[in-house]
Amino acid sequence: MEYRELPRIVAPHDDGDDPGSRPRRFPLARPGRLDLRKVATFAMLALSVAAVVFYAGRHALGTAMEWLQAQPRYQLPFVDIQLPEPPPDCFRGGKAAFLDRVRRNAKEPETLSLLKVDPARLRTAFKSFPWVAEVGEIERPPGGLVVHLKYRIPVAKVAVNRTGQFVLDREGCVLPLEETDTQRIPRLIWIVGKGLTAPPMERAGTVWKTATAESSDREALDRDVVQAARLAGFFLEPAREAEAQAEGAARISAITVMDPRLNAGLIVETEGRAQIHWGRGPGDEEPGEPTAAEKWDMLVRQAREGLGQKPRDGLWSFNRSGMVFRPAGGPRP
């Protein structure tokens, strides 16, 4: 039997290729207009959801932080702050009383949260206390606080109207007498003078000042009291105090503030009751006047040679070569 291949039937639109191999054509889609109202609504909804999530997260975080801050391990009593440099021995009550008074003076809470401590605020609390001269580094070891301090040290006691007394450091800063145990101070030098008046009570922790707008004529007297305090601190520096111990005649016991109108400066008195016209305080010397260190060397040298005159016998003074004695009734220096 004879077989014949049947003729292939081609569709009119077919060019002879396999229809399955040809890509299907689609008409291009034309974008329509955006519905701005729907877009705005969606954006506002998204922002609202984000705001709710942010607020809820922030509230949850704040609540967690408050809970954490309140845990006992992060609570520190103010009186447990560490002070590597302890308060001066003459401060009544010791470290615990010192920290309690710092806290009360600054109106700080009894307990601090270690997670909320503001170093600047803590520094201000200590700096505003009269006994603190300088606040150094603040350390935050685990579970504690360490504050390094430099203290004001009493060097002089001011007698006012024979009854009032005030304690000053070497910068002329007024220290609270009720907090000062004068029995535990190795030595204080008296500051005396006519016309001295008491400063206001709120001057504690600040430099001596009694002058007001109505009494500006007292400014010179206040200046001389501050100079006297600096001079007392100068005399009580360890090296000079040791020299004064070795040469008892050079040991200073009192400083007299003269009437500023006399332009006489300061008069110092030794324990042997010799009086010496000292002049201006350290750093305030007039041109040509020997420095405080030069005067001290002259005083020690003269003490070895003899400095035993009584107050009524006359007055010692300085010149460039040494000390000279002027008998009572002689010309003033």
C-alpha atoms as a PDB file:
ATOM      1  CA  MET A   1       0.000   0.000   0.000  1.00  0.00           C
ATOM      2  CA  GLU A   2       1.329   3.388  -0.888  1.00  0.00           C
ATOM      3  CA  TYR A   3       1.349   6.117   1.723  1.00  0.00           C
ATOM      4  CA  ARG A   4       1.359   9.767   0.833  1.00  0.00           C
ATOM      5  CA  GLU A   5       2.199  12.730   3.018  1.00  0.00           C
ATOM      6  CA  LEU A   6      -0.786  14.871   3.442  1.00  0.00           C
ATOM      7  CA  PRO A   7      -0.352  18.504   2.480  1.00  0.00           C
ATOM      8  CA  ARG A   8       0.105  20.925   5.405  1.00  0.00           C
ATOM      9  CA  ILE A   9      -2.688  23.292   6.076  1.00  0.00           C
ATOM     10  CA  VAL A  10      -1.513  26.778   6.945  1.00  0.00           C
ATOM     11  CA  ALA A  11      -3.800  29.275   8.572  1.00  0.00           C
ATOM     12  CA  PRO A  12      -4.110  32.542   6.764  1.00  0.00           C
ATOM     13  CA  HIS A  13      -2.467  34.548   9.597  1.00  0.00           C
ATOM     14  CA  ASP A  14       0.311  32.015  10.068  1.00  0.00           C
ATOM     15  CA  ASP A  15       3.559  32.757   8.310  1.00  0.00           C
ATOM     16  CA  GLY A  16       4.756  29.233   8.811  1.00  0.00           C
ATOM     17  CA  ASP A  17       6.356  29.606  12.255  1.00  0.00           C
ATOM     18  CA  ASP A  18       5.350  27.764  15.407  1.00  0.00           C
ATOM     19  CA  PRO A  19       2.569  29.778  17.067  1.00  0.00           C
ATOM     20  CA  GLY A  20       3.853  28.815  20.526  1.00  0.00           C
ATOM     21  CA  SER A  21       7.180  30.487  19.902  1.00  0.00           C
ATOM     22  CA  ARG A  22       5.745  33.920  19.152  1.00  0.00           C
ATOM     23  CA  PRO A  23       5.452  36.478  22.043  1.00  0.00           C
ATOM     24  CA  ARG A  24       2.007  37.551  22.911  1.00  0.00           C
ATOM     25  CA  ARG A  25       1.342  41.195  22.339  1.00  0.00           C
ATOM     26  CA  PHE A  26      -0.572  43.383  24.800  1.00  0.00           C
ATOM     27  CA  PRO A  27      -1.604  46.935  24.332  1.00  0.00           C
ATOM     28  CA  LEU A  28       0.311  49.477  26.553  1.00  0.00           C
ATOM     29  CA  ALA A  29      -1.568  50.414  29.734  1.00  0.00           C
ATOM     30  CA  ARG A  30      -2.125  54.065  30.160  1.00  0.00           C
ATOM     31  CA  PRO A  31      -1.862  55.311  33.775  1.00  0.00           C
ATOM     32  CA  GLY A  32      -4.905  56.995  35.151  1.00  0.00           C
ATOM     33  CA  ARG A  33      -5.002  60.048  37.440  1.00  0.00           C
ATOM     34  CA  LEU A  34      -3.933  59.711  41.113  1.00  0.00           C
ATOM     35  CA  ASP A  35      -6.645  60.263  43.667  1.00  0.00           C
ATOM     36  CA  LEU A  36      -4.955  62.884  45.848  1.00  0.00           C
ATOM     37  CA  ARG A  37      -7.639  62.653  48.510  1.00  0.00           C
ATOM     38  CA  LYS A  38      -6.977  58.943  48.929  1.00  0.00           C
ATOM     39  CA  VAL A  39      -3.223  59.514  49.021  1.00  0.00           C
ATOM     40  CA  ALA A  40      -3.593  62.246  51.694  1.00  0.00           C
ATOM     41  CA  THR A  41      -5.920  60.082  53.756  1.00  0.00           C
ATOM     42  CA  PHE A  42      -3.478  57.176  53.591  1.00  0.00           C
ATOM     43  CA  ALA A  43      -0.548  59.409  54.564  1.00  0.00           C
ATOM     44  CA  MET A  44      -2.436  60.849  57.532  1.00  0.00           C
ATOM     45  CA  LEU A  45      -3.423  57.380  58.644  1.00  0.00           C
ATOM     46  CA  ALA A  46       0.193  56.207  58.415  1.00  0.00           C
ATOM     47  CA  LEU A  47       1.429  59.216  60.410  1.00  0.00           C
ATOM     48  CA  SER A  48      -1.236  58.651  63.047  1.00  0.00           C
ATOM     49  CA  VAL A  49      -0.236  55.023  63.439  1.00  0.00           C
ATOM     50  CA  ALA A  50       3.430  55.994  63.646  1.00  0.00           C
ATOM     51  CA  ALA A  51       2.673  58.648  66.290  1.00  0.00           C
ATOM     52  CA  VAL A  52       0.675  56.183  68.381  1.00  0.00           C
ATOM     53  CA  VAL A  53       3.449  53.612  68.149  1.00  0.00           C
ATOM     54  CA  PHE A  54       6.102  56.230  69.059  1.00  0.00           C
ATOM     55  CA  TYR A  55       4.093  57.546  72.028  1.00  0.00           C
ATOM     56  CA  ALA A  56       3.333  54.060  73.295  1.00  0.00           C
ATOM     57  CA  GLY A  57       6.979  53.050  72.935  1.00  0.00           C
ATOM     58  CA  ARG A  58       8.200  56.179  74.645  1.00  0.00           C
ATOM     59  CA  HIS A  59       5.727  55.770  77.486  1.00  0.00           C
ATOM     60  CA  ALA A  60       6.718  52.140  77.903  1.00  0.00           C
ATOM     61  CA  LEU A  61      10.419  53.087  77.902  1.00  0.00           C
ATOM     62  CA  GLY A  62       9.813  55.876  80.438  1.00  0.00           C
ATOM     63  CA  THR A  63       7.880  53.540  82.696  1.00  0.00           C
ATOM     64  CA  ALA A  64      10.644  50.963  82.459  1.00  0.00           C
ATOM     65  CA  MET A  65      13.281  53.591  83.277  1.00  0.00           C
ATOM     66  CA  GLU A  66      11.298  54.857  86.266  1.00  0.00           C
ATOM     67  CA  TRP A  67      10.986  51.325  87.551  1.00  0.00           C
ATOM     68  CA  LEU A  68      14.695  50.719  87.032  1.00  0.00           C
ATOM     69  CA  GLN A  69      15.691  53.977  88.721  1.00  0.00           C
ATOM     70  CA  ALA A  70      13.596  53.092  91.747  1.00  0.00           C
ATOM     71  CA  GLN A  71      15.388  49.793  92.318  1.00  0.00           C
ATOM     72  CA  PRO A  72      17.429  49.731  95.554  1.00  0.00           C
ATOM     73  CA  ARG A  73      20.662  48.891  93.750  1.00  0.00           C
ATOM     74  CA  TYR A  74      20.498  52.253  91.955  1.00  0.00           C
ATOM     75  CA  GLN A  75      19.636  54.327  95.040  1.00  0.00           C
ATOM     76  CA  LEU A  76      22.396  56.117  96.962  1.00  0.00           C
ATOM     77  CA  PRO A  77      21.882  58.125 100.175  1.00  0.00           C
ATOM     78  CA  PHE A  78      23.461  61.553  99.762  1.00  0.00           C
ATOM     79  CA  VAL A  79      25.501  61.023 102.946  1.00  0.00           C
ATOM     80  CA  ASP A  80      27.111  57.954 101.349  1.00  0.00           C
ATOM     81  CA  ILE A  81      28.872  59.992  98.653  1.00  0.00           C
ATOM     82  CA  GLN A  82      32.586  59.252  98.892  1.00  0.00           C
ATOM     83  CA  LEU A  83      34.959  62.116  99.702  1.00  0.00           C
ATOM     84  CA  PRO A  84      38.575  61.012  99.132  1.00  0.00           C
ATOM     85  CA  GLU A  85      39.694  64.287 100.755  1.00  0.00           C
ATOM     86  CA  PRO A  86      37.839  64.369 104.106  1.00  0.00           C
ATOM     87  CA  PRO A  87      36.507  67.650 105.547  1.00  0.00           C
ATOM     88  CA  PRO A  88      38.874  69.634 107.804  1.00  0.00           C
ATOM     89  CA  ASP A  89      39.160  68.399 111.384  1.00  0.00           C
ATOM     90  CA  CYS A  90      37.777  71.722 112.581  1.00  0.00           C
ATOM     91  CA  PHE A  91      34.430  71.134 110.840  1.00  0.00           C
ATOM     92  CA  ARG A  92      31.948  70.027 113.473  1.00  0.00           C
ATOM     93  CA  GLY A  93      30.403  66.604 112.908  1.00  0.00           C
ATOM     94  CA  GLY A  94      32.765  65.050 110.396  1.00  0.00           C
ATOM     95  CA  LYS A  95      31.955  63.637 106.966  1.00  0.00           C
ATOM     96  CA  ALA A  96      28.334  62.609 107.573  1.00  0.00           C
ATOM     97  CA  ALA A  97      27.389  66.021 109.003  1.00  0.00           C
ATOM     98  CA  PHE A  98      29.275  67.745 106.196  1.00  0.00           C
ATOM     99  CA  LEU A  99      27.376  65.885 103.462  1.00  0.00           C
ATOM    100  CA  ASP A 100      24.046  66.379 105.228  1.00  0.00           C
ATOM    101  CA  ARG A 101      24.616  70.136 105.429  1.00  0.00           C
ATOM    102  CA  VAL A 102      25.687  70.261 101.787  1.00  0.00           C
ATOM    103  CA  ARG A 103      22.435  68.520 100.878  1.00  0.00           C
ATOM    104  CA  ARG A 104      20.269  70.780 103.047  1.00  0.00           C
ATOM    105  CA  ASN A 105      22.010  73.914 101.812  1.00  0.00           C
ATOM    106  CA  ALA A 106      21.373  72.915  98.182  1.00  0.00           C
ATOM    107  CA  LYS A 107      17.869  71.513  98.924  1.00  0.00           C
ATOM    108  CA  GLU A 108      18.766  68.153  97.418  1.00  0.00           C
ATOM    109  CA  PRO A 109      16.803  64.933  98.204  1.00  0.00           C
ATOM    110  CA  GLU A 110      18.063  62.556 100.856  1.00  0.00           C
ATOM    111  CA  THR A 111      18.514  59.794  98.275  1.00  0.00           C
ATOM    112  CA  LEU A 112      19.954  60.094  94.770  1.00  0.00           C
ATOM    113  CA  SER A 113      19.149  57.867  91.811  1.00  0.00           C
ATOM    114  CA  LEU A 114      22.466  56.867  90.285  1.00  0.00           C
ATOM    115  CA  LEU A 115      20.822  56.686  86.851  1.00  0.00           C
ATOM    116  CA  LYS A 116      19.630  60.297  87.075  1.00  0.00           C
ATOM    117  CA  VAL A 117      22.635  62.041  88.640  1.00  0.00           C
ATOM    118  CA  ASP A 118      23.404  65.355  86.940  1.00  0.00           C
ATOM    119  CA  PRO A 119      27.137  66.061  87.474  1.00  0.00           C
ATOM    120  CA  ALA A 120      26.659  69.813  86.856  1.00  0.00           C
ATOM    121  CA  ARG A 121      23.899  70.016  89.459  1.00  0.00           C
ATOM    122  CA  LEU A 122      25.933  67.980  91.944  1.00  0.00           C
ATOM    123  CA  ARG A 123      28.940  70.243  91.371  1.00  0.00           C
ATOM    124  CA  THR A 124      26.781  73.313  92.050  1.00  0.00           C
ATOM    125  CA  ALA A 125      25.429  71.749  95.264  1.00  0.00           C
ATOM    126  CA  PHE A 126      28.953  71.352  96.654  1.00  0.00           C
ATOM    127  CA  LYS A 127      30.314  74.634  95.299  1.00  0.00           C
ATOM    128  CA  SER A 128      27.545  76.618  97.015  1.00  0.00           C
ATOM    129  CA  PHE A 129      28.517  75.265 100.460  1.00  0.00           C
ATOM    130  CA  PRO A 130      30.664  77.774 102.405  1.00  0.00           C
ATOM    131  CA  TRP A 131      33.396  75.279 103.297  1.00  0.00           C
ATOM    132  CA  VAL A 132      34.079  74.195  99.708  1.00  0.00           C
ATOM    133  CA  ALA A 133      36.718  76.200  97.846  1.00  0.00           C
ATOM    134  CA  GLU A 134      36.847  74.073  94.711  1.00  0.00           C
ATOM    135  CA  VAL A 135      35.063  71.028  93.272  1.00  0.00           C
ATOM    136  CA  GLY A 136      37.375  68.713  91.398  1.00  0.00           C
ATOM    137  CA  GLU A 137      36.632  65.539  89.466  1.00  0.00           C
ATOM    138  CA  ILE A 138      33.335  63.696  89.964  1.00  0.00           C
ATOM    139  CA  GLU A 139      33.683  59.942  89.480  1.00  0.00           C
ATOM    140  CA  ARG A 140      30.863  57.451  89.000  1.00  0.00           C
ATOM    141  CA  PRO A 141      32.098  53.964  89.890  1.00  0.00           C
ATOM    142  CA  PRO A 142      29.514  51.137  89.844  1.00  0.00           C
ATOM    143  CA  GLY A 143      27.028  51.688  92.651  1.00  0.00           C
ATOM    144  CA  GLY A 144      28.525  54.916  93.996  1.00  0.00           C
ATOM    145  CA  LEU A 145      29.651  58.519  93.590  1.00  0.00           C
ATOM    146  CA  VAL A 146      33.071  60.014  94.317  1.00  0.00           C
ATOM    147  CA  VAL A 147      33.546  63.783  94.636  1.00  0.00           C
ATOM    148  CA  HIS A 148      36.978  65.384  94.991  1.00  0.00           C
ATOM    149  CA  LEU A 149      36.964  68.618  97.004  1.00  0.00           C
ATOM    150  CA  LYS A 150      39.314  71.369  98.068  1.00  0.00           C
ATOM    151  CA  TYR A 151      38.250  72.965 101.347  1.00  0.00           C
ATOM    152  CA  ARG A 152      38.463  76.394 102.890  1.00  0.00           C
ATOM    153  CA  ILE A 153      40.727  76.374 105.940  1.00  0.00           C
ATOM    154  CA  PRO A 154      40.242  78.931 108.752  1.00  0.00           C
ATOM    155  CA  VAL A 155      43.266  81.155 109.294  1.00  0.00           C
ATOM    156  CA  ALA A 156      41.909  84.227 111.070  1.00  0.00           C
ATOM    157  CA  LYS A 157      39.318  85.284 113.596  1.00  0.00           C
ATOM    158  CA  VAL A 158      37.827  88.783 113.335  1.00  0.00           C
ATOM    159  CA  ALA A 159      36.811  90.585 116.517  1.00  0.00           C
ATOM    160  CA  VAL A 160      33.858  92.948 116.042  1.00  0.00           C
ATOM    161  CA  ASN A 161      32.778  95.322 118.832  1.00  0.00           C
ATOM    162  CA  ARG A 162      34.546  93.109 121.388  1.00  0.00           C
ATOM    163  CA  THR A 163      31.706  90.565 121.326  1.00  0.00           C
ATOM    164  CA  GLY A 164      31.134  89.405 117.744  1.00  0.00           C
ATOM    165  CA  GLN A 165      33.547  86.945 116.183  1.00  0.00           C
ATOM    166  CA  PHE A 166      33.900  85.735 112.630  1.00  0.00           C
ATOM    167  CA  VAL A 167      36.202  83.123 111.113  1.00  0.00           C
ATOM    168  CA  LEU A 168      37.851  83.778 107.727  1.00  0.00           C
ATOM    169  CA  ASP A 169      39.862  81.677 105.326  1.00  0.00           C
ATOM    170  CA  ARG A 170      42.930  83.097 103.570  1.00  0.00           C
ATOM    171  CA  GLU A 171      40.793  84.603 100.780  1.00  0.00           C
ATOM    172  CA  GLY A 172      38.727  86.570 103.283  1.00  0.00           C
ATOM    173  CA  CYS A 173      35.756  84.217 102.902  1.00  0.00           C
ATOM    174  CA  VAL A 174      33.421  84.142 105.923  1.00  0.00           C
ATOM    175  CA  LEU A 175      32.999  80.657 107.432  1.00  0.00           C
ATOM    176  CA  PRO A 176      30.056  79.745 109.716  1.00  0.00           C
ATOM    177  CA  LEU A 177      31.328  80.011 113.271  1.00  0.00           C
ATOM    178  CA  GLU A 178      28.682  77.575 114.566  1.00  0.00           C
ATOM    179  CA  GLU A 179      30.138  74.883 112.296  1.00  0.00           C
ATOM    180  CA  THR A 180      33.721  75.603 113.319  1.00  0.00           C
ATOM    181  CA  ASP A 181      35.417  73.826 116.202  1.00  0.00           C
ATOM    182  CA  THR A 182      38.092  76.407 116.961  1.00  0.00           C
ATOM    183  CA  GLN A 183      39.627  74.051 119.549  1.00  0.00           C
ATOM    184  CA  ARG A 184      40.727  71.791 116.699  1.00  0.00           C
ATOM    185  CA  ILE A 185      42.422  74.532 114.702  1.00  0.00           C
ATOM    186  CA  PRO A 186      46.186  74.550 115.339  1.00  0.00           C
ATOM    187  CA  ARG A 187      46.322  78.344 115.295  1.00  0.00           C
ATOM    188  CA  LEU A 188      44.257  81.367 114.300  1.00  0.00           C
ATOM    189  CA  ILE A 189      45.527  84.918 113.927  1.00  0.00           C
ATOM    190  CA  TRP A 190      43.305  87.676 115.274  1.00  0.00           C
ATOM    191  CA  ILE A 191      42.205  90.533 113.016  1.00  0.00           C
ATOM    192  CA  VAL A 192      41.296  93.637 114.998  1.00  0.00           C
ATOM    193  CA  GLY A 193      40.684  97.295 114.301  1.00  0.00           C
ATOM    194  CA  LYS A 194      38.500 100.269 115.112  1.00  0.00           C
ATOM    195  CA  GLY A 195      35.253 100.635 113.232  1.00  0.00           C
ATOM    196  CA  LEU A 196      34.872  96.982 112.228  1.00  0.00           C
ATOM    197  CA  THR A 197      31.240  95.898 111.921  1.00  0.00           C
ATOM    198  CA  ALA A 198      29.628  92.527 111.387  1.00  0.00           C
ATOM    199  CA  PRO A 199      28.761  91.466 107.829  1.00  0.00           C
ATOM    200  CA  PRO A 200      25.218  90.215 107.100  1.00  0.00           C
ATOM    201  CA  MET A 201      24.562  86.591 108.033  1.00  0.00           C
ATOM    202  CA  GLU A 202      24.029  85.648 104.395  1.00  0.00           C
ATOM    203  CA  ARG A 203      27.675  86.530 103.695  1.00  0.00           C
ATOM    204  CA  ALA A 204      28.723  83.052 104.892  1.00  0.00           C
ATOM    205  CA  GLY A 205      30.626  81.448 102.056  1.00  0.00           C
ATOM    206  CA  THR A 206      31.458  84.787 100.426  1.00  0.00           C
ATOM    207  CA  VAL A 207      34.233  87.334 100.825  1.00  0.00           C
ATOM    208  CA  TRP A 208      34.008  89.751 103.769  1.00  0.00           C
ATOM    209  CA  LYS A 209      31.900  92.769 102.895  1.00  0.00           C
ATOM    210  CA  THR A 210      30.075  95.283 105.072  1.00  0.00           C
ATOM    211  CA  ALA A 211      29.881  98.226 102.681  1.00  0.00           C
ATOM    212  CA  THR A 212      26.525  99.001 101.063  1.00  0.00           C
ATOM    213  CA  ALA A 213      25.294 101.617  98.645  1.00  0.00           C
ATOM    214  CA  GLU A 214      24.557 103.777 101.676  1.00  0.00           C
ATOM    215  CA  SER A 215      27.950 103.159 103.314  1.00  0.00           C
ATOM    216  CA  SER A 216      30.390 102.997 100.421  1.00  0.00           C
ATOM    217  CA  ASP A 217      33.018 104.680 102.608  1.00  0.00           C
ATOM    218  CA  ARG A 218      33.565 101.259 104.239  1.00  0.00           C
ATOM    219  CA  GLU A 219      34.902  99.707 101.035  1.00  0.00           C
ATOM    220  CA  ALA A 220      38.512 100.556 101.891  1.00  0.00           C
ATOM    221  CA  LEU A 221      38.091  99.034 105.357  1.00  0.00           C
ATOM    222  CA  ASP A 222      36.621  95.862 103.872  1.00  0.00           C
ATOM    223  CA  ARG A 223      39.542  95.684 101.461  1.00  0.00           C
ATOM    224  CA  ASP A 224      42.008  95.889 104.352  1.00  0.00           C
ATOM    225  CA  VAL A 225      40.202  93.093 106.239  1.00  0.00           C
ATOM    226  CA  VAL A 226      40.552  90.845 103.182  1.00  0.00           C
ATOM    227  CA  GLN A 227      44.244  91.797 102.909  1.00  0.00           C
ATOM    228  CA  ALA A 228      44.680  90.934 106.590  1.00  0.00           C
ATOM    229  CA  ALA A 229      43.122  87.497 105.995  1.00  0.00           C
ATOM    230  CA  ARG A 230      45.527  86.878 103.109  1.00  0.00           C
ATOM    231  CA  LEU A 231      48.411  87.941 105.311  1.00  0.00           C
ATOM    232  CA  ALA A 232      47.263  85.561 108.069  1.00  0.00           C
ATOM    233  CA  GLY A 233      47.201  82.727 105.540  1.00  0.00           C
ATOM    234  CA  PHE A 234      50.677  83.752 104.416  1.00  0.00           C
ATOM    235  CA  PHE A 235      52.011  83.563 107.994  1.00  0.00           C
ATOM    236  CA  LEU A 236      50.375  80.171 108.621  1.00  0.00           C
ATOM    237  CA  GLU A 237      51.794  78.419 105.575  1.00  0.00           C
ATOM    238  CA  PRO A 238      53.624  75.307 106.859  1.00  0.00           C
ATOM    239  CA  ALA A 239      57.143  76.472 105.970  1.00  0.00           C
ATOM    240  CA  ARG A 240      56.717  79.875 107.658  1.00  0.00           C
ATOM    241  CA  GLU A 241      54.930  78.403 110.646  1.00  0.00           C
ATOM    242  CA  ALA A 242      57.867  76.047 111.124  1.00  0.00           C
ATOM    243  CA  GLU A 243      60.292  79.013 110.995  1.00  0.00           C
ATOM    244  CA  ALA A 244      58.125  80.901 113.473  1.00  0.00           C
ATOM    245  CA  GLN A 245      58.207  77.915 115.824  1.00  0.00           C
ATOM    246  CA  ALA A 246      61.994  77.872 115.615  1.00  0.00           C
ATOM    247  CA  GLU A 247      62.236  81.633 116.100  1.00  0.00           C
ATOM    248  CA  GLY A 248      59.461  82.353 118.592  1.00  0.00           C
ATOM    249  CA  ALA A 249      59.996  86.106 118.349  1.00  0.00           C
ATOM    250  CA  ALA A 250      58.735  85.990 114.745  1.00  0.00           C
ATOM    251  CA  ARG A 251      55.455  84.274 115.630  1.00  0.00           C
ATOM    252  CA  ILE A 252      52.549  86.568 114.676  1.00  0.00           C
ATOM    253  CA  SER A 253      49.467  86.629 116.903  1.00  0.00           C
ATOM    254  CA  ALA A 254      47.384  89.563 115.612  1.00  0.00           C
ATOM    255  CA  ILE A 255      46.920  91.890 112.663  1.00  0.00           C
ATOM    256  CA  THR A 256      45.484  95.370 113.166  1.00  0.00           C
ATOM    257  CA  VAL A 257      43.505  97.029 110.394  1.00  0.00           C
ATOM    258  CA  MET A 258      44.275 100.746 110.559  1.00  0.00           C
ATOM    259  CA  ASP A 259      41.963 103.580 109.634  1.00  0.00           C
ATOM    260  CA  PRO A 260      42.151 103.656 105.804  1.00  0.00           C
ATOM    261  CA  ARG A 261      42.274 107.457 105.938  1.00  0.00           C
ATOM    262  CA  LEU A 262      45.741 107.187 107.495  1.00  0.00           C
ATOM    263  CA  ASN A 263      46.940 105.124 104.520  1.00  0.00           C
ATOM    264  CA  ALA A 264      49.067 103.116 106.947  1.00  0.00           C
ATOM    265  CA  GLY A 265      48.095  99.611 105.843  1.00  0.00           C
ATOM    266  CA  LEU A 266      48.377  96.789 108.367  1.00  0.00           C
ATOM    267  CA  ILE A 267      50.110  96.510 111.731  1.00  0.00           C
ATOM    268  CA  VAL A 268      51.186  93.030 112.870  1.00  0.00           C
ATOM    269  CA  GLU A 269      51.915  92.023 116.438  1.00  0.00           C
ATOM    270  CA  THR A 270      54.159  89.173 117.550  1.00  0.00           C
ATOM    271  CA  GLU A 271      53.513  86.899 120.492  1.00  0.00           C
ATOM    272  CA  GLY A 272      56.302  88.832 122.210  1.00  0.00           C
ATOM    273  CA  ARG A 273      54.087  91.927 121.704  1.00  0.00           C
ATOM    274  CA  ALA A 274      56.412  93.707 119.319  1.00  0.00           C
ATOM    275  CA  GLN A 275      54.475  95.768 116.801  1.00  0.00           C
ATOM    276  CA  ILE A 276      55.513  95.970 113.172  1.00  0.00           C
ATOM    277  CA  HIS A 277      54.205  98.253 110.476  1.00  0.00           C
ATOM    278  CA  TRP A 278      53.708  95.692 107.726  1.00  0.00           C
ATOM    279  CA  GLY A 279      52.026  97.836 105.079  1.00  0.00           C
ATOM    280  CA  ARG A 280      49.916  96.235 102.346  1.00  0.00           C
ATOM    281  CA  GLY A 281      48.897  92.600 102.184  1.00  0.00           C
ATOM    282  CA  PRO A 282      50.537  89.995  99.922  1.00  0.00           C
ATOM    283  CA  GLY A 283      50.128  90.907  96.274  1.00  0.00           C
ATOM    284  CA  ASP A 284      48.856  94.424  97.047  1.00  0.00           C
ATOM    285  CA  GLU A 285      52.184  96.069  97.813  1.00  0.00           C
ATOM    286  CA  GLU A 286      52.727  99.593  96.607  1.00  0.00           C
ATOM    287  CA  PRO A 287      55.506 100.376  94.079  1.00  0.00           C
ATOM    288  CA  GLY A 288      58.913 100.134  95.766  1.00  0.00           C
ATOM    289  CA  GLU A 289      57.489  98.292  98.798  1.00  0.00           C
ATOM    290  CA  PRO A 290      59.219  94.970  99.635  1.00  0.00           C
ATOM    291  CA  THR A 291      57.184  91.844  98.908  1.00  0.00           C
ATOM    292  CA  ALA A 292      55.632  89.769 101.682  1.00  0.00           C
ATOM    293  CA  ALA A 293      58.329  87.093 101.260  1.00  0.00           C
ATOM    294  CA  GLU A 294      61.102  89.706 101.513  1.00  0.00           C
ATOM    295  CA  LYS A 295      59.548  91.205 104.637  1.00  0.00           C
ATOM    296  CA  TRP A 296      59.266  87.785 106.217  1.00  0.00           C
ATOM    297  CA  ASP A 297      62.958  87.060 105.658  1.00  0.00           C
ATOM    298  CA  MET A 298      63.801  90.428 107.263  1.00  0.00           C
ATOM    299  CA  LEU A 299      61.500  89.643 110.192  1.00  0.00           C
ATOM    300  CA  VAL A 300      63.078  86.241 110.848  1.00  0.00           C
ATOM    301  CA  ARG A 301      66.564  87.752 110.648  1.00  0.00           C
ATOM    302  CA  GLN A 302      65.618  90.552 113.033  1.00  0.00           C
ATOM    303  CA  ALA A 303      63.968  88.059 115.412  1.00  0.00           C
ATOM    304  CA  ARG A 304      67.302  86.296 115.763  1.00  0.00           C
ATOM    305  CA  GLU A 305      68.978  89.588 116.622  1.00  0.00           C
ATOM    306  CA  GLY A 306      66.279  90.857 118.961  1.00  0.00           C
ATOM    307  CA  LEU A 307      62.653  91.874 118.551  1.00  0.00           C
ATOM    308  CA  GLY A 308      61.359  92.182 122.074  1.00  0.00           C
ATOM    309  CA  GLN A 309      60.100  95.763 122.314  1.00  0.00           C
ATOM    310  CA  LYS A 310      56.743  96.335 123.981  1.00  0.00           C
ATOM    311  CA  PRO A 311      53.882  97.967 122.034  1.00  0.00           C
ATOM    312  CA  ARG A 312      54.267 101.303 123.823  1.00  0.00           C
ATOM    313  CA  ASP A 313      57.983 101.381 123.207  1.00  0.00           C
ATOM    314  CA  GLY A 314      57.665 102.016 119.484  1.00  0.00           C
ATOM    315  CA  LEU A 315      57.048 100.521 116.100  1.00  0.00           C
ATOM    316  CA  TRP A 316      59.166  98.449 113.744  1.00  0.00           C
ATOM    317  CA  SER A 317      59.071  99.050 109.982  1.00  0.00           C
ATOM    318  CA  PHE A 318      60.769  97.802 106.812  1.00  0.00           C
ATOM    319  CA  ASN A 319      63.083  99.345 104.308  1.00  0.00           C
ATOM    320  CA  ARG A 320      65.065  97.835 101.476  1.00  0.00           C
ATOM    321  CA  SER A 321      67.971  96.808 103.696  1.00  0.00           C
ATOM    322  CA  GLY A 322      66.062  95.409 106.665  1.00  0.00           C
ATOM    323  CA  MET A 323      63.988  96.528 109.656  1.00  0.00           C
ATOM    324  CA  VAL A 324      64.245  99.747 111.631  1.00  0.00           C
ATOM    325  CA  PHE A 325      62.770 100.646 115.015  1.00  0.00           C
ATOM    326  CA  ARG A 326      61.049 103.973 115.628  1.00  0.00           C
ATOM    327  CA  PRO A 327      60.515 104.894 119.297  1.00  0.00           C
ATOM    328  CA  ALA A 328      57.091 105.908 120.510  1.00  0.00           C
ATOM    329  CA  GLY A 329      56.376 109.546 119.718  1.00  0.00           C
ATOM    330  CA  GLY A 330      58.771 109.529 116.773  1.00  0.00           C
ATOM    331  CA  PRO A 331      57.745 110.088 113.158  1.00  0.00           C
ATOM    332  CA  ARG A 332      55.334 107.540 111.696  1.00  0.00           C
ATOM    333  CA  PRO A 333      56.717 105.250 108.978  1.00  0.00           C
END
